[in-house]
Amino acid sequence: ITNLKKANETIYRQNIEIGASILYAKRLQDSVLPSKEKLDETFPDSFALYKPKDVVSGDFYVVDTLTTNVGEVMPIFIVGDCTGHGIPGAVLSLMCNVLMRESFTRTDINSPGEALDFVRIRLSKFFEADNVVRIRDGMDVAFCVLNKENNELYFSGANNSCVVFRGDEVIEYKGDKQHIGYTDNPKPFTNHTIDVKKGDLVFLYTDGYMDQ
């Protein structure tokens, strides 16, 4: 009985410590997601549905602005889905979030497709153990930049689509069939230029929406 009591106390203490670690990981993850105020400021008529399966998530989203090489300021929105669930997925989502944001500041990147190419190269180098062992984890992502002056939406995706609802019409722009991460035969990501009209609804999503 004494040994059983000690074992239960140990399990209880370990559960408390693990739970505290996971909650702190959630605080870190939440801190890099855009606030409701940021979302409303950048895209006034918008929403984000974010309900992780576990306490922390492999999914993330970015809402921000970038400045082009000619000084134009354009709003962007990104939805990413990293390999795995829980803590492993959350760690990878933080890394991918940082790399996506790094691409905004590069003067040699001029399109969402080039940004995805850049992130894929950077992520592959992070996971380069040697020439034999390669970690193939990474993410699927949809990346959009809105040019309000020209009413154009620039989109590129890795396994993820951009869906436009225009009245009764549903238009899907599909991302390339490759992920962000190590790939044996990588190809440049495709850029789509979408003419947007007043009243269009634009949606990005991950497979977590269907899974749950």
N, C-alpha and C. Protein backbone atom coordinates (compact mmCIF):
# COMPACT_ATOMS: atom_id res chain seq x y z
N ILE A 1 0.84 -1.20 0.00
CA ILE A 1 0.00 0.00 0.00
C ILE A 1 0.87 1.25 0.00
N THR A 2 1.96 1.21 0.82
CA THR A 2 2.87 2.36 0.89
C THR A 2 3.52 2.64 -0.46
N ASN A 3 3.98 1.58 -1.14
CA ASN A 3 4.60 1.75 -2.46
C ASN A 3 3.61 2.28 -3.49
N LEU A 4 2.37 1.80 -3.41
CA LEU A 4 1.33 2.27 -4.34
C LEU A 4 1.03 3.75 -4.10
N LYS A 5 1.00 4.14 -2.83
CA LYS A 5 0.74 5.54 -2.50
C LYS A 5 1.87 6.44 -3.03
N LYS A 6 3.12 5.99 -2.86
CA LYS A 6 4.26 6.77 -3.36
C LYS A 6 4.22 6.88 -4.89
N ALA A 7 3.84 5.78 -5.55
CA ALA A 7 3.77 5.79 -7.01
C ALA A 7 2.70 6.77 -7.49
N ASN A 8 1.53 6.78 -6.81
CA ASN A 8 0.46 7.71 -7.17
C ASN A 8 0.88 9.16 -6.95
N GLU A 9 1.62 9.41 -5.88
CA GLU A 9 2.10 10.76 -5.60
C GLU A 9 3.08 11.22 -6.68
N THR A 10 3.95 10.28 -7.12
CA THR A 10 4.91 10.60 -8.17
C THR A 10 4.19 10.93 -9.48
N ILE A 11 3.21 10.09 -9.83
CA ILE A 11 2.44 10.32 -11.06
C ILE A 11 1.71 11.66 -10.99
N TYR A 12 1.12 11.95 -9.82
CA TYR A 12 0.38 13.21 -9.65
C TYR A 12 1.32 14.40 -9.85
N ARG A 13 2.50 14.32 -9.23
CA ARG A 13 3.46 15.43 -9.33
C ARG A 13 3.94 15.61 -10.77
N GLN A 14 4.20 14.48 -11.45
CA GLN A 14 4.66 14.55 -12.84
C GLN A 14 3.57 15.14 -13.74
N ASN A 15 2.31 14.78 -13.49
CA ASN A 15 1.21 15.32 -14.29
C ASN A 15 1.10 16.83 -14.11
N ILE A 16 1.30 17.29 -12.87
CA ILE A 16 1.26 18.73 -12.60
C ILE A 16 2.37 19.45 -13.37
N GLU A 17 3.57 18.87 -13.34
CA GLU A 17 4.70 19.50 -14.02
C GLU A 17 4.51 19.50 -15.54
N ILE A 18 4.03 18.38 -16.09
CA ILE A 18 3.80 18.29 -17.53
C ILE A 18 2.71 19.28 -17.95
N GLY A 19 1.64 19.34 -17.15
CA GLY A 19 0.54 20.25 -17.45
C GLY A 19 1.00 21.70 -17.44
N ALA A 20 1.83 22.05 -16.46
CA ALA A 20 2.35 23.42 -16.38
C ALA A 20 3.22 23.74 -17.59
N SER A 21 4.03 22.77 -18.04
CA SER A 21 4.88 22.98 -19.20
C SER A 21 4.05 23.20 -20.46
N ILE A 22 2.99 22.40 -20.61
CA ILE A 22 2.14 22.52 -21.80
C ILE A 22 1.41 23.87 -21.80
N LEU A 23 0.94 24.30 -20.64
CA LEU A 23 0.25 25.59 -20.55
C LEU A 23 1.20 26.74 -20.88
N TYR A 24 2.46 26.60 -20.45
CA TYR A 24 3.44 27.65 -20.78
C TYR A 24 3.73 27.65 -22.28
N ALA A 25 3.79 26.44 -22.87
CA ALA A 25 3.99 26.34 -24.32
C ALA A 25 2.82 27.02 -25.05
N LYS A 26 1.61 26.87 -24.51
CA LYS A 26 0.44 27.52 -25.11
C LYS A 26 0.58 29.04 -25.05
N ARG A 27 1.07 29.55 -23.93
CA ARG A 27 1.27 31.00 -23.80
C ARG A 27 2.26 31.50 -24.85
N LEU A 28 3.34 30.75 -25.06
CA LEU A 28 4.32 31.13 -26.07
C LEU A 28 3.69 31.12 -27.47
N GLN A 29 2.93 30.07 -27.75
CA GLN A 29 2.32 29.97 -29.08
C GLN A 29 1.29 31.08 -29.29
N ASP A 30 0.47 31.34 -28.29
CA ASP A 30 -0.55 32.38 -28.42
C ASP A 30 0.08 33.75 -28.62
N SER A 31 1.28 33.95 -28.05
CA SER A 31 1.91 35.27 -28.12
C SER A 31 2.35 35.64 -29.54
N VAL A 32 2.57 34.64 -30.41
CA VAL A 32 3.01 34.94 -31.77
C VAL A 32 1.85 34.96 -32.76
N LEU A 33 0.65 34.60 -32.31
CA LEU A 33 -0.52 34.68 -33.19
C LEU A 33 -1.05 36.12 -33.18
N PRO A 34 -1.59 36.60 -34.29
CA PRO A 34 -2.11 37.98 -34.32
C PRO A 34 -3.30 38.14 -33.38
N SER A 35 -3.36 39.28 -32.73
CA SER A 35 -4.47 39.57 -31.83
C SER A 35 -5.73 39.88 -32.64
N LYS A 36 -6.87 39.85 -31.97
CA LYS A 36 -8.13 40.21 -32.62
C LYS A 36 -8.05 41.66 -33.12
N GLU A 37 -7.41 42.52 -32.35
CA GLU A 37 -7.26 43.92 -32.76
C GLU A 37 -6.43 44.03 -34.04
N LYS A 38 -5.35 43.25 -34.12
CA LYS A 38 -4.50 43.26 -35.31
C LYS A 38 -5.27 42.76 -36.53
N LEU A 39 -6.05 41.71 -36.32
CA LEU A 39 -6.85 41.14 -37.41
C LEU A 39 -7.86 42.16 -37.91
N ASP A 40 -8.58 42.81 -36.99
CA ASP A 40 -9.60 43.79 -37.37
C ASP A 40 -8.99 45.02 -38.03
N GLU A 41 -7.81 45.41 -37.56
CA GLU A 41 -7.14 46.58 -38.12
C GLU A 41 -6.68 46.32 -39.55
N THR A 42 -6.14 45.12 -39.81
CA THR A 42 -5.60 44.80 -41.13
C THR A 42 -6.70 44.42 -42.11
N PHE A 43 -7.63 43.60 -41.67
CA PHE A 43 -8.76 43.16 -42.49
C PHE A 43 -10.05 43.35 -41.68
N PRO A 44 -10.67 44.54 -41.77
CA PRO A 44 -11.83 44.84 -40.91
C PRO A 44 -12.97 43.83 -41.00
N ASP A 45 -13.24 43.33 -42.19
CA ASP A 45 -14.37 42.40 -42.37
C ASP A 45 -13.84 40.98 -42.49
N SER A 46 -13.36 40.43 -41.37
CA SER A 46 -12.71 39.12 -41.43
C SER A 46 -12.89 38.38 -40.11
N PHE A 47 -12.49 37.11 -40.10
CA PHE A 47 -12.51 36.32 -38.87
C PHE A 47 -11.47 35.21 -38.96
N ALA A 48 -11.09 34.69 -37.80
CA ALA A 48 -10.20 33.53 -37.74
C ALA A 48 -10.82 32.51 -36.81
N LEU A 49 -10.97 31.28 -37.30
CA LEU A 49 -11.47 30.18 -36.48
C LEU A 49 -10.28 29.30 -36.13
N TYR A 50 -9.90 29.32 -34.86
CA TYR A 50 -8.69 28.62 -34.41
C TYR A 50 -9.04 27.81 -33.17
N LYS A 51 -9.20 26.51 -33.34
CA LYS A 51 -9.57 25.63 -32.23
C LYS A 51 -8.66 24.40 -32.23
N PRO A 52 -7.51 24.48 -31.57
CA PRO A 52 -6.57 23.35 -31.57
C PRO A 52 -7.20 22.07 -31.02
N LYS A 53 -6.84 20.95 -31.62
CA LYS A 53 -7.30 19.65 -31.13
C LYS A 53 -6.75 19.38 -29.73
N ASP A 54 -5.46 19.75 -29.53
CA ASP A 54 -4.84 19.64 -28.22
C ASP A 54 -4.67 21.05 -27.65
N VAL A 55 -4.04 21.14 -26.50
CA VAL A 55 -3.84 22.45 -25.88
C VAL A 55 -3.02 23.36 -26.79
N VAL A 56 -1.98 22.80 -27.39
CA VAL A 56 -1.18 23.54 -28.37
C VAL A 56 -1.39 22.92 -29.75
N SER A 57 -0.99 23.65 -30.77
CA SER A 57 -1.38 23.26 -32.13
C SER A 57 -0.21 23.27 -33.09
N GLY A 58 -0.30 22.45 -34.13
CA GLY A 58 0.64 22.51 -35.23
C GLY A 58 0.22 23.51 -36.29
N ASP A 59 -0.98 24.06 -36.16
CA ASP A 59 -1.47 25.08 -37.09
C ASP A 59 -1.12 26.47 -36.57
N PHE A 60 -0.98 27.41 -37.48
CA PHE A 60 -0.79 28.81 -37.10
C PHE A 60 -1.29 29.70 -38.22
N TYR A 61 -1.48 30.97 -37.91
CA TYR A 61 -1.85 31.92 -38.95
C TYR A 61 -1.15 33.24 -38.69
N VAL A 62 -0.92 33.97 -39.76
CA VAL A 62 -0.21 35.25 -39.71
C VAL A 62 -1.06 36.30 -40.41
N VAL A 63 -1.24 37.44 -39.79
CA VAL A 63 -1.88 38.59 -40.42
C VAL A 63 -0.95 39.78 -40.18
N ASP A 64 -0.50 40.40 -41.26
CA ASP A 64 0.48 41.48 -41.10
C ASP A 64 0.50 42.32 -42.37
N THR A 65 1.45 43.23 -42.47
CA THR A 65 1.67 43.99 -43.70
C THR A 65 3.14 43.85 -44.08
N LEU A 66 3.42 44.00 -45.36
CA LEU A 66 4.80 44.04 -45.81
C LEU A 66 4.99 45.24 -46.72
N THR A 67 6.21 45.68 -46.82
CA THR A 67 6.56 46.81 -47.68
C THR A 67 7.38 46.30 -48.85
N THR A 68 6.91 46.59 -50.06
CA THR A 68 7.60 46.12 -51.25
C THR A 68 8.88 46.93 -51.48
N ASN A 69 9.66 46.51 -52.45
CA ASN A 69 10.91 47.20 -52.76
C ASN A 69 10.69 48.62 -53.28
N VAL A 70 9.46 48.91 -53.75
CA VAL A 70 9.16 50.27 -54.24
C VAL A 70 8.35 51.05 -53.22
N GLY A 71 8.27 50.52 -51.98
CA GLY A 71 7.64 51.27 -50.90
C GLY A 71 6.15 51.08 -50.74
N GLU A 72 5.54 50.18 -51.49
CA GLU A 72 4.11 49.92 -51.34
C GLU A 72 3.87 49.05 -50.11
N VAL A 73 2.85 49.38 -49.32
CA VAL A 73 2.49 48.60 -48.14
C VAL A 73 1.28 47.74 -48.48
N MET A 74 1.42 46.44 -48.32
CA MET A 74 0.34 45.52 -48.68
C MET A 74 0.04 44.58 -47.51
N PRO A 75 -1.24 44.36 -47.23
CA PRO A 75 -1.60 43.40 -46.17
C PRO A 75 -1.42 41.96 -46.65
N ILE A 76 -1.06 41.09 -45.73
CA ILE A 76 -0.87 39.68 -46.05
C ILE A 76 -1.62 38.81 -45.05
N PHE A 77 -1.97 37.62 -45.48
CA PHE A 77 -2.52 36.64 -44.55
C PHE A 77 -2.05 35.26 -44.95
N ILE A 78 -1.69 34.48 -43.95
CA ILE A 78 -1.07 33.17 -44.14
C ILE A 78 -1.72 32.17 -43.18
N VAL A 79 -1.94 30.97 -43.67
CA VAL A 79 -2.39 29.87 -42.81
C VAL A 79 -1.44 28.71 -43.02
N GLY A 80 -0.86 28.20 -41.92
CA GLY A 80 0.09 27.11 -42.01
C GLY A 80 -0.34 25.91 -41.18
N ASP A 81 0.05 24.74 -41.64
CA ASP A 81 -0.28 23.47 -40.98
C ASP A 81 1.00 22.64 -40.90
N CYS A 82 1.57 22.54 -39.70
CA CYS A 82 2.85 21.85 -39.54
C CYS A 82 2.64 20.38 -39.20
N THR A 83 3.65 19.59 -39.47
CA THR A 83 3.61 18.16 -39.20
C THR A 83 3.39 17.90 -37.72
N GLY A 84 2.49 16.98 -37.40
CA GLY A 84 2.32 16.54 -36.02
C GLY A 84 1.28 17.32 -35.24
N HIS A 85 1.02 16.83 -34.03
CA HIS A 85 0.08 17.45 -33.11
C HIS A 85 0.83 17.85 -31.84
N GLY A 86 0.11 18.49 -30.93
CA GLY A 86 0.65 18.73 -29.60
C GLY A 86 1.98 19.47 -29.60
N ILE A 87 2.84 19.10 -28.65
CA ILE A 87 4.11 19.80 -28.45
C ILE A 87 5.00 19.75 -29.70
N PRO A 88 5.22 18.58 -30.34
CA PRO A 88 6.08 18.56 -31.54
C PRO A 88 5.55 19.49 -32.64
N GLY A 89 4.24 19.44 -32.87
CA GLY A 89 3.66 20.31 -33.89
C GLY A 89 3.79 21.78 -33.52
N ALA A 90 3.63 22.09 -32.23
CA ALA A 90 3.73 23.47 -31.78
C ALA A 90 5.14 24.02 -31.93
N VAL A 91 6.15 23.19 -31.61
CA VAL A 91 7.55 23.62 -31.77
C VAL A 91 7.83 23.94 -33.24
N LEU A 92 7.38 23.06 -34.12
CA LEU A 92 7.60 23.27 -35.55
C LEU A 92 6.83 24.50 -36.05
N SER A 93 5.63 24.72 -35.51
CA SER A 93 4.84 25.88 -35.95
C SER A 93 5.52 27.19 -35.57
N LEU A 94 6.16 27.24 -34.40
CA LEU A 94 6.88 28.44 -34.01
C LEU A 94 8.05 28.70 -34.96
N MET A 95 8.78 27.63 -35.30
CA MET A 95 9.92 27.77 -36.21
C MET A 95 9.45 28.26 -37.58
N CYS A 96 8.38 27.65 -38.10
CA CYS A 96 7.89 28.02 -39.42
C CYS A 96 7.32 29.44 -39.43
N ASN A 97 6.68 29.82 -38.34
CA ASN A 97 6.14 31.17 -38.21
C ASN A 97 7.27 32.20 -38.33
N VAL A 98 8.37 31.94 -37.61
CA VAL A 98 9.52 32.85 -37.65
C VAL A 98 10.12 32.93 -39.05
N LEU A 99 10.24 31.78 -39.72
CA LEU A 99 10.81 31.77 -41.07
C LEU A 99 9.92 32.50 -42.07
N MET A 100 8.60 32.33 -41.93
CA MET A 100 7.69 33.05 -42.81
C MET A 100 7.86 34.55 -42.64
N ARG A 101 7.97 34.99 -41.39
CA ARG A 101 8.13 36.43 -41.13
C ARG A 101 9.48 36.94 -41.63
N GLU A 102 10.48 36.09 -41.57
CA GLU A 102 11.79 36.49 -42.09
C GLU A 102 11.71 36.79 -43.58
N SER A 103 10.88 36.04 -44.29
CA SER A 103 10.77 36.23 -45.74
C SER A 103 10.20 37.61 -46.09
N PHE A 104 9.43 38.23 -45.17
CA PHE A 104 8.84 39.54 -45.45
C PHE A 104 9.92 40.62 -45.61
N THR A 105 11.04 40.43 -44.96
CA THR A 105 12.07 41.48 -44.91
C THR A 105 13.14 41.32 -45.98
N ARG A 106 13.05 40.29 -46.78
CA ARG A 106 14.07 40.01 -47.79
C ARG A 106 13.80 40.81 -49.06
N THR A 107 14.77 41.63 -49.47
CA THR A 107 14.59 42.44 -50.68
C THR A 107 14.68 41.60 -51.96
N ASP A 108 15.21 40.38 -51.85
CA ASP A 108 15.33 39.51 -53.02
C ASP A 108 14.09 38.64 -53.22
N ILE A 109 13.07 38.82 -52.37
CA ILE A 109 11.83 38.04 -52.49
C ILE A 109 10.72 38.98 -52.94
N ASN A 110 10.08 38.65 -54.06
CA ASN A 110 9.11 39.56 -54.66
C ASN A 110 7.75 38.92 -54.93
N SER A 111 7.49 37.76 -54.35
CA SER A 111 6.19 37.10 -54.55
C SER A 111 5.99 36.06 -53.46
N PRO A 112 4.74 35.66 -53.22
CA PRO A 112 4.49 34.58 -52.25
C PRO A 112 5.21 33.29 -52.61
N GLY A 113 5.28 32.97 -53.91
CA GLY A 113 5.97 31.74 -54.33
C GLY A 113 7.44 31.77 -53.96
N GLU A 114 8.10 32.92 -54.18
CA GLU A 114 9.51 33.05 -53.83
C GLU A 114 9.69 32.96 -52.32
N ALA A 115 8.72 33.47 -51.56
CA ALA A 115 8.79 33.37 -50.10
C ALA A 115 8.72 31.91 -49.66
N LEU A 116 7.85 31.12 -50.30
CA LEU A 116 7.75 29.70 -49.94
C LEU A 116 9.02 28.95 -50.34
N ASP A 117 9.60 29.30 -51.48
CA ASP A 117 10.87 28.69 -51.89
C ASP A 117 11.94 28.97 -50.83
N PHE A 118 12.00 30.21 -50.37
CA PHE A 118 12.99 30.62 -49.37
C PHE A 118 12.81 29.84 -48.07
N VAL A 119 11.57 29.75 -47.59
CA VAL A 119 11.31 29.06 -46.33
C VAL A 119 11.63 27.58 -46.45
N ARG A 120 11.33 26.98 -47.59
CA ARG A 120 11.64 25.56 -47.79
C ARG A 120 13.14 25.31 -47.70
N ILE A 121 13.93 26.16 -48.33
CA ILE A 121 15.39 26.01 -48.29
C ILE A 121 15.91 26.17 -46.87
N ARG A 122 15.41 27.19 -46.17
CA ARG A 122 15.88 27.46 -44.81
C ARG A 122 15.50 26.32 -43.86
N LEU A 123 14.28 25.82 -44.00
CA LEU A 123 13.82 24.75 -43.12
C LEU A 123 14.59 23.46 -43.40
N SER A 124 14.84 23.16 -44.67
CA SER A 124 15.59 21.95 -45.03
C SER A 124 17.00 21.99 -44.44
N LYS A 125 17.62 23.17 -44.45
CA LYS A 125 18.97 23.31 -43.91
C LYS A 125 18.98 23.13 -42.39
N PHE A 126 17.91 23.59 -41.73
CA PHE A 126 17.80 23.40 -40.29
C PHE A 126 17.82 21.91 -39.94
N PHE A 127 17.14 21.12 -40.77
CA PHE A 127 16.95 19.70 -40.47
C PHE A 127 17.98 18.81 -41.16
N GLU A 128 19.06 19.37 -41.67
CA GLU A 128 20.07 18.61 -42.39
C GLU A 128 21.01 17.94 -41.39
N ALA A 129 20.74 16.69 -41.05
CA ALA A 129 21.62 15.97 -40.11
C ALA A 129 22.89 15.51 -40.82
N ASP A 130 22.72 14.78 -41.91
CA ASP A 130 23.85 14.36 -42.75
C ASP A 130 23.27 13.96 -44.10
N ASN A 131 24.09 13.37 -44.94
CA ASN A 131 23.63 13.03 -46.28
C ASN A 131 22.75 11.78 -46.30
N VAL A 132 22.68 11.06 -45.19
CA VAL A 132 21.89 9.83 -45.15
C VAL A 132 20.57 10.06 -44.44
N VAL A 133 20.62 10.69 -43.25
CA VAL A 133 19.42 10.91 -42.46
C VAL A 133 18.86 12.29 -42.76
N ARG A 134 17.64 12.35 -43.24
CA ARG A 134 17.01 13.64 -43.51
C ARG A 134 15.62 13.66 -42.87
N ILE A 135 15.37 14.70 -42.11
CA ILE A 135 14.05 14.88 -41.50
C ILE A 135 13.15 15.54 -42.53
N ARG A 136 12.04 14.91 -42.81
CA ARG A 136 11.15 15.40 -43.86
C ARG A 136 9.96 16.17 -43.30
N ASP A 137 9.97 16.44 -41.99
CA ASP A 137 8.88 17.21 -41.41
C ASP A 137 8.88 18.62 -41.97
N GLY A 138 7.74 19.25 -41.93
CA GLY A 138 7.62 20.60 -42.46
C GLY A 138 6.20 21.09 -42.33
N MET A 139 5.72 21.78 -43.34
CA MET A 139 4.36 22.31 -43.25
C MET A 139 3.71 22.44 -44.62
N ASP A 140 2.38 22.44 -44.59
CA ASP A 140 1.56 22.88 -45.71
C ASP A 140 1.13 24.32 -45.39
N VAL A 141 1.01 25.14 -46.42
CA VAL A 141 0.74 26.55 -46.14
C VAL A 141 0.05 27.22 -47.32
N ALA A 142 -0.73 28.24 -47.03
CA ALA A 142 -1.31 29.12 -48.04
C ALA A 142 -0.91 30.54 -47.70
N PHE A 143 -0.40 31.28 -48.68
CA PHE A 143 0.18 32.60 -48.47
C PHE A 143 -0.48 33.57 -49.45
N CYS A 144 -1.12 34.61 -48.93
CA CYS A 144 -1.79 35.60 -49.77
C CYS A 144 -1.30 37.00 -49.47
N VAL A 145 -1.14 37.79 -50.53
CA VAL A 145 -0.82 39.22 -50.43
C VAL A 145 -1.89 39.97 -51.21
N LEU A 146 -2.46 41.00 -50.59
CA LEU A 146 -3.53 41.76 -51.22
C LEU A 146 -3.01 43.10 -51.72
N ASN A 147 -3.16 43.32 -53.01
CA ASN A 147 -2.83 44.61 -53.63
C ASN A 147 -4.13 45.39 -53.79
N LYS A 148 -4.38 46.29 -52.87
CA LYS A 148 -5.65 47.03 -52.88
C LYS A 148 -5.74 48.00 -54.05
N GLU A 149 -4.59 48.52 -54.48
CA GLU A 149 -4.58 49.49 -55.58
C GLU A 149 -5.07 48.85 -56.89
N ASN A 150 -4.64 47.61 -57.12
CA ASN A 150 -4.98 46.93 -58.38
C ASN A 150 -6.11 45.92 -58.22
N ASN A 151 -6.64 45.80 -57.00
CA ASN A 151 -7.67 44.78 -56.72
C ASN A 151 -7.20 43.39 -57.14
N GLU A 152 -5.96 43.08 -56.75
CA GLU A 152 -5.38 41.78 -57.08
C GLU A 152 -4.95 41.07 -55.80
N LEU A 153 -5.13 39.78 -55.81
CA LEU A 153 -4.69 38.95 -54.69
C LEU A 153 -3.61 38.01 -55.23
N TYR A 154 -2.43 38.04 -54.61
CA TYR A 154 -1.34 37.16 -55.02
C TYR A 154 -1.29 35.98 -54.06
N PHE A 155 -1.37 34.79 -54.62
CA PHE A 155 -1.45 33.57 -53.80
C PHE A 155 -0.45 32.53 -54.25
N SER A 156 0.14 31.86 -53.27
CA SER A 156 0.93 30.67 -53.53
C SER A 156 0.68 29.69 -52.39
N GLY A 157 0.65 28.40 -52.71
CA GLY A 157 0.34 27.42 -51.68
C GLY A 157 1.17 26.16 -51.78
N ALA A 158 1.42 25.55 -50.64
CA ALA A 158 2.06 24.25 -50.56
C ALA A 158 1.02 23.28 -50.02
N ASN A 159 0.40 22.53 -50.92
CA ASN A 159 -0.66 21.56 -50.60
C ASN A 159 -1.96 22.21 -50.11
N ASN A 160 -1.97 23.50 -49.86
CA ASN A 160 -3.17 24.19 -49.38
C ASN A 160 -3.72 25.12 -50.45
N SER A 161 -5.02 25.29 -50.45
CA SER A 161 -5.71 26.07 -51.47
C SER A 161 -6.16 27.43 -50.94
N CYS A 162 -6.53 28.27 -51.88
CA CYS A 162 -7.22 29.53 -51.59
C CYS A 162 -8.58 29.43 -52.27
N VAL A 163 -9.64 29.67 -51.51
CA VAL A 163 -11.00 29.53 -52.05
C VAL A 163 -11.68 30.89 -52.05
N VAL A 164 -12.24 31.26 -53.20
CA VAL A 164 -12.94 32.52 -53.35
C VAL A 164 -14.42 32.23 -53.61
N PHE A 165 -15.28 32.83 -52.77
CA PHE A 165 -16.73 32.75 -52.98
C PHE A 165 -17.17 34.05 -53.63
N ARG A 166 -17.76 33.96 -54.79
CA ARG A 166 -18.24 35.13 -55.53
C ARG A 166 -19.70 34.90 -55.89
N GLY A 167 -20.57 35.44 -55.07
CA GLY A 167 -21.99 35.16 -55.25
C GLY A 167 -22.27 33.69 -55.04
N ASP A 168 -22.83 33.03 -56.05
CA ASP A 168 -23.11 31.59 -55.96
C ASP A 168 -21.96 30.75 -56.50
N GLU A 169 -20.90 31.41 -56.94
CA GLU A 169 -19.76 30.70 -57.54
C GLU A 169 -18.68 30.44 -56.50
N VAL A 170 -18.11 29.23 -56.54
CA VAL A 170 -16.99 28.87 -55.67
C VAL A 170 -15.78 28.58 -56.56
N ILE A 171 -14.72 29.36 -56.35
CA ILE A 171 -13.52 29.23 -57.18
C ILE A 171 -12.36 28.79 -56.30
N GLU A 172 -11.76 27.66 -56.61
CA GLU A 172 -10.63 27.15 -55.83
C GLU A 172 -9.33 27.30 -56.62
N TYR A 173 -8.37 27.96 -55.99
CA TYR A 173 -7.03 28.07 -56.54
C TYR A 173 -6.14 27.13 -55.74
N LYS A 174 -5.67 26.08 -56.38
CA LYS A 174 -4.96 25.03 -55.67
C LYS A 174 -3.47 25.34 -55.54
N GLY A 175 -2.92 25.00 -54.38
CA GLY A 175 -1.49 25.11 -54.18
C GLY A 175 -0.77 23.97 -54.85
N ASP A 176 0.54 24.05 -54.91
CA ASP A 176 1.34 22.99 -55.52
C ASP A 176 1.32 21.74 -54.64
N LYS A 177 1.44 20.59 -55.30
CA LYS A 177 1.43 19.31 -54.59
C LYS A 177 2.82 19.00 -54.02
N GLN A 178 3.28 19.84 -53.14
CA GLN A 178 4.54 19.64 -52.43
C GLN A 178 4.49 20.46 -51.15
N HIS A 179 5.20 19.99 -50.14
CA HIS A 179 5.15 20.68 -48.85
C HIS A 179 6.39 21.56 -48.67
N ILE A 180 6.41 22.31 -47.59
CA ILE A 180 7.57 23.10 -47.21
C ILE A 180 8.43 22.20 -46.33
N GLY A 181 9.61 21.89 -46.78
CA GLY A 181 10.49 20.97 -46.08
C GLY A 181 11.33 20.23 -47.10
N TYR A 182 12.08 19.24 -46.64
CA TYR A 182 12.95 18.52 -47.56
C TYR A 182 12.12 17.73 -48.58
N THR A 183 12.46 17.88 -49.84
CA THR A 183 11.80 17.17 -50.93
C THR A 183 12.88 16.68 -51.90
N ASP A 184 12.72 15.46 -52.39
CA ASP A 184 13.74 14.89 -53.31
C ASP A 184 13.84 15.69 -54.60
N ASN A 185 12.69 16.11 -55.14
CA ASN A 185 12.68 16.84 -56.41
C ASN A 185 11.87 18.13 -56.26
N PRO A 186 12.41 19.11 -55.56
CA PRO A 186 11.66 20.35 -55.34
C PRO A 186 11.47 21.14 -56.62
N LYS A 187 10.32 21.78 -56.75
CA LYS A 187 10.02 22.65 -57.88
C LYS A 187 9.64 24.03 -57.34
N PRO A 188 9.91 25.07 -58.09
CA PRO A 188 9.51 26.41 -57.64
C PRO A 188 8.00 26.47 -57.41
N PHE A 189 7.59 27.16 -56.37
CA PHE A 189 6.16 27.27 -56.09
C PHE A 189 5.50 28.23 -57.07
N THR A 190 4.29 27.90 -57.45
CA THR A 190 3.53 28.66 -58.45
C THR A 190 2.88 29.88 -57.82
N ASN A 191 2.92 31.00 -58.53
CA ASN A 191 2.22 32.21 -58.12
C ASN A 191 0.92 32.35 -58.90
N HIS A 192 -0.15 32.66 -58.19
CA HIS A 192 -1.44 32.92 -58.82
C HIS A 192 -1.79 34.39 -58.60
N THR A 193 -2.23 35.07 -59.64
CA THR A 193 -2.74 36.43 -59.53
C THR A 193 -4.25 36.36 -59.71
N ILE A 194 -4.98 36.73 -58.67
CA ILE A 194 -6.44 36.60 -58.66
C ILE A 194 -7.05 38.00 -58.69
N ASP A 195 -7.89 38.26 -59.69
CA ASP A 195 -8.62 39.53 -59.74
C ASP A 195 -9.78 39.44 -58.75
N VAL A 196 -9.73 40.26 -57.72
CA VAL A 196 -10.78 40.22 -56.71
C VAL A 196 -11.78 41.36 -56.96
N LYS A 197 -13.03 41.08 -56.61
CA LYS A 197 -14.11 42.05 -56.82
C LYS A 197 -14.79 42.35 -55.49
N LYS A 198 -15.46 43.47 -55.45
CA LYS A 198 -16.18 43.84 -54.24
C LYS A 198 -17.21 42.77 -53.89
N GLY A 199 -17.21 42.34 -52.64
CA GLY A 199 -18.14 41.30 -52.22
C GLY A 199 -17.55 39.90 -52.22
N ASP A 200 -16.36 39.74 -52.80
CA ASP A 200 -15.70 38.42 -52.78
C ASP A 200 -15.38 38.02 -51.34
N LEU A 201 -15.52 36.73 -51.05
CA LEU A 201 -15.11 36.17 -49.77
C LEU A 201 -13.93 35.24 -50.03
N VAL A 202 -12.84 35.44 -49.31
CA VAL A 202 -11.63 34.66 -49.52
C VAL A 202 -11.35 33.84 -48.26
N PHE A 203 -11.14 32.55 -48.44
CA PHE A 203 -10.91 31.65 -47.31
C PHE A 203 -9.61 30.87 -47.48
N LEU A 204 -8.83 30.82 -46.41
CA LEU A 204 -7.70 29.89 -46.30
C LEU A 204 -8.01 28.96 -45.13
N TYR A 205 -7.55 27.72 -45.21
CA TYR A 205 -7.88 26.75 -44.17
C TYR A 205 -6.84 25.63 -44.15
N THR A 206 -6.84 24.87 -43.08
CA THR A 206 -6.01 23.66 -43.00
C THR A 206 -6.92 22.44 -42.96
N ASP A 207 -6.31 21.26 -43.05
CA ASP A 207 -7.13 20.03 -43.00
C ASP A 207 -7.66 19.76 -41.60
N GLY A 208 -7.17 20.53 -40.61
CA GLY A 208 -7.72 20.39 -39.26
C GLY A 208 -9.20 20.69 -39.21
N TYR A 209 -9.66 21.57 -40.11
CA TYR A 209 -11.08 21.91 -40.15
C TYR A 209 -11.92 20.67 -40.47
N MET A 210 -11.48 19.89 -41.46
CA MET A 210 -12.21 18.67 -41.83
C MET A 210 -11.98 17.57 -40.81
N ASP A 211 -10.75 17.46 -40.28
CA ASP A 211 -10.43 16.39 -39.34
C ASP A 211 -11.30 16.45 -38.08
N GLN A 212 -11.61 17.66 -37.65
CA GLN A 212 -12.39 17.79 -36.42
C GLN A 212 -13.90 17.86 -36.68
